[in-house]
Amino acid sequence: MFEYYKPTEHGGLKEDGIPDMRVGTGEKYKPTEHSGLKEDGVPDMRVGSGSTYKPTGK
């Protein structure tokens, strides 16, 4: 049976040695793993502590 070349099994490289852009590295930056900061150091407003409701204290 014929085996297909799979870039995922060869470090993300095509048969000719060029990187296959469809294969990810798995190294995606996640602000939630970096104290809510984006890669440039600016706070990511999507990452929060939940509700922003503050009671007025009537």
PDB file of N, CA and C in Angstrom:
ATOM      1  N   MET A   1       0.832  -1.174   0.000  1.00  0.00           N
ATOM      2  CA  MET A   1       0.000   0.000   0.000  1.00  0.00           C
ATOM      3  C   MET A   1       0.884   1.248   0.000  1.00  0.00           C
ATOM      4  N   PHE A   2       0.470   2.271  -0.728  1.00  0.00           N
ATOM      5  CA  PHE A   2       1.239   3.501  -0.865  1.00  0.00           C
ATOM      6  C   PHE A   2       1.109   4.349   0.388  1.00  0.00           C
ATOM      7  N   GLU A   3       2.217   4.829   0.905  1.00  0.00           N
ATOM      8  CA  GLU A   3       2.233   5.713   2.070  1.00  0.00           C
ATOM      9  C   GLU A   3       2.307   7.164   1.602  1.00  0.00           C
ATOM     10  N   TYR A   4       1.450   8.020   2.118  1.00  0.00           N
ATOM     11  CA  TYR A   4       1.487   9.441   1.810  1.00  0.00           C
ATOM     12  C   TYR A   4       2.496  10.123   2.711  1.00  0.00           C
ATOM     13  N   TYR A   5       3.189  11.118   2.167  1.00  0.00           N
ATOM     14  CA  TYR A   5       4.132  11.914   2.945  1.00  0.00           C
ATOM     15  C   TYR A   5       3.341  12.866   3.826  1.00  0.00           C
ATOM     16  N   LYS A   6       3.614  12.851   5.105  1.00  0.00           N
ATOM     17  CA  LYS A   6       2.893  13.691   6.058  1.00  0.00           C
ATOM     18  C   LYS A   6       3.869  14.682   6.696  1.00  0.00           C
ATOM     19  N   PRO A   7       3.716  15.973   6.373  1.00  0.00           N
ATOM     20  CA  PRO A   7       4.617  16.978   6.963  1.00  0.00           C
ATOM     21  C   PRO A   7       4.597  16.989   8.488  1.00  0.00           C
ATOM     22  N   THR A   8       3.464  16.635   9.086  1.00  0.00           N
ATOM     23  CA  THR A   8       3.387  16.633  10.551  1.00  0.00           C
ATOM     24  C   THR A   8       4.305  15.583  11.163  1.00  0.00           C
ATOM     25  N   GLU A   9       4.678  14.587  10.392  1.00  0.00           N
ATOM     26  CA  GLU A   9       5.577  13.552  10.885  1.00  0.00           C
ATOM     27  C   GLU A   9       7.039  13.846  10.546  1.00  0.00           C
ATOM     28  N   HIS A  10       7.284  14.990   9.888  1.00  0.00           N
ATOM     29  CA  HIS A  10       8.638  15.353   9.474  1.00  0.00           C
ATOM     30  C   HIS A  10       8.986  16.783   9.874  1.00  0.00           C
ATOM     31  N   GLY A  11       8.609  17.171  11.063  1.00  0.00           N
ATOM     32  CA  GLY A  11       8.953  18.492  11.580  1.00  0.00           C
ATOM     33  C   GLY A  11       8.297  19.645  10.844  1.00  0.00           C
ATOM     34  N   GLY A  12       7.171  19.402  10.185  1.00  0.00           N
ATOM     35  CA  GLY A  12       6.466  20.449   9.469  1.00  0.00           C
ATOM     36  C   GLY A  12       7.057  20.780   8.114  1.00  0.00           C
ATOM     37  N   LEU A  13       7.961  19.921   7.613  1.00  0.00           N
ATOM     38  CA  LEU A  13       8.587  20.173   6.322  1.00  0.00           C
ATOM     39  C   LEU A  13       7.943  19.333   5.226  1.00  0.00           C
ATOM     40  N   LYS A  14       7.835  19.936   4.036  1.00  0.00           N
ATOM     41  CA  LYS A  14       7.355  19.202   2.867  1.00  0.00           C
ATOM     42  C   LYS A  14       8.466  18.271   2.388  1.00  0.00           C
ATOM     43  N   GLU A  15       8.161  17.441   1.402  1.00  0.00           N
ATOM     44  CA  GLU A  15       9.164  16.512   0.880  1.00  0.00           C
ATOM     45  C   GLU A  15      10.395  17.233   0.340  1.00  0.00           C
ATOM     46  N   ASP A  16      10.209  18.441  -0.212  1.00  0.00           N
ATOM     47  CA  ASP A  16      11.344  19.184  -0.770  1.00  0.00           C
ATOM     48  C   ASP A  16      12.089  20.010   0.288  1.00  0.00           C
ATOM     49  N   GLY A  17      11.686  19.918   1.553  1.00  0.00           N
ATOM     50  CA  GLY A  17      12.384  20.592   2.647  1.00  0.00           C
ATOM     51  C   GLY A  17      11.859  21.974   2.987  1.00  0.00           C
ATOM     52  N   ILE A  18      10.869  22.446   2.242  1.00  0.00           N
ATOM     53  CA  ILE A  18      10.276  23.754   2.513  1.00  0.00           C
ATOM     54  C   ILE A  18       9.243  23.612   3.625  1.00  0.00           C
ATOM     55  N   PRO A  19       9.211  24.557   4.596  1.00  0.00           N
ATOM     56  CA  PRO A  19       8.205  24.465   5.656  1.00  0.00           C
ATOM     57  C   PRO A  19       6.784  24.515   5.097  1.00  0.00           C
ATOM     58  N   ASP A  20       5.929  23.641   5.602  1.00  0.00           N
ATOM     59  CA  ASP A  20       4.527  23.606   5.195  1.00  0.00           C
ATOM     60  C   ASP A  20       3.766  24.541   6.124  1.00  0.00           C
ATOM     61  N   MET A  21       3.239  25.643   5.575  1.00  0.00           N
ATOM     62  CA  MET A  21       2.580  26.663   6.388  1.00  0.00           C
ATOM     63  C   MET A  21       1.281  26.166   7.013  1.00  0.00           C
ATOM     64  N   ARG A  22       0.759  25.047   6.561  1.00  0.00           N
ATOM     65  CA  ARG A  22      -0.477  24.503   7.141  1.00  0.00           C
ATOM     66  C   ARG A  22      -0.215  23.807   8.474  1.00  0.00           C
ATOM     67  N   VAL A  23       1.033  23.532   8.765  1.00  0.00           N
ATOM     68  CA  VAL A  23       1.401  22.835   9.994  1.00  0.00           C
ATOM     69  C   VAL A  23       1.779  23.868  11.045  1.00  0.00           C
ATOM     70  N   GLY A  24       1.058  23.875  12.154  1.00  0.00           N
ATOM     71  CA  GLY A  24       1.347  24.820  13.231  1.00  0.00           C
ATOM     72  C   GLY A  24       2.437  24.312  14.141  1.00  0.00           C
ATOM     73  N   THR A  25       3.012  25.222  14.900  1.00  0.00           N
ATOM     74  CA  THR A  25       4.082  24.847  15.823  1.00  0.00           C
ATOM     75  C   THR A  25       3.557  24.551  17.212  1.00  0.00           C
ATOM     76  N   GLY A  26       2.305  24.954  17.477  1.00  0.00           N
ATOM     77  CA  GLY A  26       1.748  24.747  18.803  1.00  0.00           C
ATOM     78  C   GLY A  26       2.214  25.771  19.813  1.00  0.00           C
ATOM     79  N   GLU A  27       2.906  26.792  19.376  1.00  0.00           N
ATOM     80  CA  GLU A  27       3.453  27.812  20.263  1.00  0.00           C
ATOM     81  C   GLU A  27       2.651  29.104  20.178  1.00  0.00           C
ATOM     82  N   LYS A  28       1.351  29.029  20.311  1.00  0.00           N
ATOM     83  CA  LYS A  28       0.512  30.215  20.235  1.00  0.00           C
ATOM     84  C   LYS A  28       0.575  30.962  21.568  1.00  0.00           C
ATOM     85  N   TYR A  29       0.760  32.279  21.499  1.00  0.00           N
ATOM     86  CA  TYR A  29       0.848  33.118  22.695  1.00  0.00           C
ATOM     87  C   TYR A  29      -0.537  33.250  23.314  1.00  0.00           C
ATOM     88  N   LYS A  30      -0.644  32.993  24.589  1.00  0.00           N
ATOM     89  CA  LYS A  30      -1.917  33.080  25.304  1.00  0.00           C
ATOM     90  C   LYS A  30      -1.792  34.094  26.436  1.00  0.00           C
ATOM     91  N   PRO A  31      -2.524  35.222  26.334  1.00  0.00           N
ATOM     92  CA  PRO A  31      -2.457  36.234  27.395  1.00  0.00           C
ATOM     93  C   PRO A  31      -2.845  35.685  28.769  1.00  0.00           C
ATOM     94  N   THR A  32      -3.726  34.698  28.802  1.00  0.00           N
ATOM     95  CA  THR A  32      -4.145  34.144  30.095  1.00  0.00           C
ATOM     96  C   THR A  32      -2.996  33.443  30.812  1.00  0.00           C
ATOM     97  N   GLU A  33      -1.966  33.069  30.080  1.00  0.00           N
ATOM     98  CA  GLU A  33      -0.803  32.426  30.690  1.00  0.00           C
ATOM     99  C   GLU A  33       0.298  33.436  31.010  1.00  0.00           C
ATOM    100  N   HIS A  34       0.047  34.727  30.713  1.00  0.00           N
ATOM    101  CA  HIS A  34       1.046  35.769  30.939  1.00  0.00           C
ATOM    102  C   HIS A  34       0.442  36.960  31.680  1.00  0.00           C
ATOM    103  N   SER A  35      -0.283  36.698  32.742  1.00  0.00           N
ATOM    104  CA  SER A  35      -0.894  37.717  33.605  1.00  0.00           C
ATOM    105  C   SER A  35      -1.800  38.684  32.855  1.00  0.00           C
ATOM    106  N   GLY A  36      -2.438  38.217  31.788  1.00  0.00           N
ATOM    107  CA  GLY A  36      -3.365  39.055  31.040  1.00  0.00           C
ATOM    108  C   GLY A  36      -2.713  40.059  30.110  1.00  0.00           C
ATOM    109  N   LEU A  37      -1.415  39.897  29.852  1.00  0.00           N
ATOM    110  CA  LEU A  37      -0.705  40.829  28.973  1.00  0.00           C
ATOM    111  C   LEU A  37      -0.538  40.243  27.580  1.00  0.00           C
ATOM    112  N   LYS A  38      -0.677  41.119  26.569  1.00  0.00           N
ATOM    113  CA  LYS A  38      -0.412  40.710  25.189  1.00  0.00           C
ATOM    114  C   LYS A  38       1.096  40.591  25.007  1.00  0.00           C
ATOM    115  N   GLU A  39       1.503  40.124  23.823  1.00  0.00           N
ATOM    116  CA  GLU A  39       2.936  39.962  23.551  1.00  0.00           C
ATOM    117  C   GLU A  39       3.705  41.274  23.661  1.00  0.00           C
ATOM    118  N   ASP A  40       3.060  42.399  23.337  1.00  0.00           N
ATOM    119  CA  ASP A  40       3.737  43.699  23.402  1.00  0.00           C
ATOM    120  C   ASP A  40       3.673  44.335  24.793  1.00  0.00           C
ATOM    121  N   GLY A  41       3.093  43.629  25.782  1.00  0.00           N
ATOM    122  CA  GLY A  41       3.051  44.118  27.152  1.00  0.00           C
ATOM    123  C   GLY A  41       1.814  44.918  27.513  1.00  0.00           C
ATOM    124  N   VAL A  42       0.940  45.158  26.552  1.00  0.00           N
ATOM    125  CA  VAL A  42      -0.289  45.911  26.795  1.00  0.00           C
ATOM    126  C   VAL A  42      -1.332  44.960  27.385  1.00  0.00           C
ATOM    127  N   PRO A  43      -2.088  45.375  28.401  1.00  0.00           N
ATOM    128  CA  PRO A  43      -3.115  44.499  28.964  1.00  0.00           C
ATOM    129  C   PRO A  43      -4.167  44.117  27.916  1.00  0.00           C
ATOM    130  N   ASP A  44      -4.522  42.850  27.906  1.00  0.00           N
ATOM    131  CA  ASP A  44      -5.555  42.355  26.994  1.00  0.00           C
ATOM    132  C   ASP A  44      -6.894  42.524  27.685  1.00  0.00           C
ATOM    133  N   MET A  45      -7.742  43.391  27.143  1.00  0.00           N
ATOM    134  CA  MET A  45      -9.015  43.704  27.781  1.00  0.00           C
ATOM    135  C   MET A  45      -9.983  42.523  27.776  1.00  0.00           C
ATOM    136  N   ARG A  46      -9.720  41.506  26.966  1.00  0.00           N
ATOM    137  CA  ARG A  46     -10.594  40.325  26.951  1.00  0.00           C
ATOM    138  C   ARG A  46     -10.362  39.451  28.178  1.00  0.00           C
ATOM    139  N   VAL A  47      -9.209  39.605  28.806  1.00  0.00           N
ATOM    140  CA  VAL A  47      -8.877  38.816  29.986  1.00  0.00           C
ATOM    141  C   VAL A  47      -9.226  39.653  31.204  1.00  0.00           C
ATOM    142  N   GLY A  48     -10.140  39.165  31.996  1.00  0.00           N
ATOM    143  CA  GLY A  48     -10.544  39.934  33.169  1.00  0.00           C
ATOM    144  C   GLY A  48     -10.838  39.028  34.341  1.00  0.00           C
ATOM    145  N   SER A  49     -11.300  39.648  35.382  1.00  0.00           N
ATOM    146  CA  SER A  49     -11.603  38.890  36.595  1.00  0.00           C
ATOM    147  C   SER A  49     -13.088  38.576  36.692  1.00  0.00           C
ATOM    148  N   GLY A  50     -13.802  38.719  35.591  1.00  0.00           N
ATOM    149  CA  GLY A  50     -15.234  38.410  35.620  1.00  0.00           C
ATOM    150  C   GLY A  50     -16.069  39.655  35.488  1.00  0.00           C
ATOM    151  N   SER A  51     -17.044  39.799  36.339  1.00  0.00           N
ATOM    152  CA  SER A  51     -17.988  40.909  36.261  1.00  0.00           C
ATOM    153  C   SER A  51     -17.330  42.235  36.628  1.00  0.00           C
ATOM    154  N   THR A  52     -17.765  43.296  35.953  1.00  0.00           N
ATOM    155  CA  THR A  52     -17.259  44.634  36.281  1.00  0.00           C
ATOM    156  C   THR A  52     -18.275  45.410  37.107  1.00  0.00           C
ATOM    157  N   TYR A  53     -19.348  44.751  37.575  1.00  0.00           N
ATOM    158  CA  TYR A  53     -20.391  45.394  38.374  1.00  0.00           C
ATOM    159  C   TYR A  53     -19.835  45.774  39.735  1.00  0.00           C
ATOM    160  N   LYS A  54     -20.067  47.031  40.122  1.00  0.00           N
ATOM    161  CA  LYS A  54     -19.656  47.487  41.451  1.00  0.00           C
ATOM    162  C   LYS A  54     -20.877  48.097  42.127  1.00  0.00           C
ATOM    163  N   PRO A  55     -21.299  47.547  43.261  1.00  0.00           N
ATOM    164  CA  PRO A  55     -22.485  48.085  43.940  1.00  0.00           C
ATOM    165  C   PRO A  55     -22.240  49.508  44.423  1.00  0.00           C
ATOM    166  N   THR A  56     -23.290  50.305  44.452  1.00  0.00           N
ATOM    167  CA  THR A  56     -23.179  51.711  44.860  1.00  0.00           C
ATOM    168  C   THR A  56     -23.265  51.890  46.371  1.00  0.00           C
ATOM    169  N   GLY A  57     -23.733  50.899  47.097  1.00  0.00           N
ATOM    170  CA  GLY A  57     -23.789  50.966  48.554  1.00  0.00           C
ATOM    171  C   GLY A  57     -24.942  51.768  49.102  1.00  0.00           C
ATOM    172  N   LYS A  58     -26.123  51.642  48.536  1.00  0.00           N
ATOM    173  CA  LYS A  58     -27.317  52.382  49.002  1.00  0.00           C
ATOM    174  C   LYS A  58     -27.726  51.989  50.382  1.00  0.00           C
TER     175      LYS A  58
END
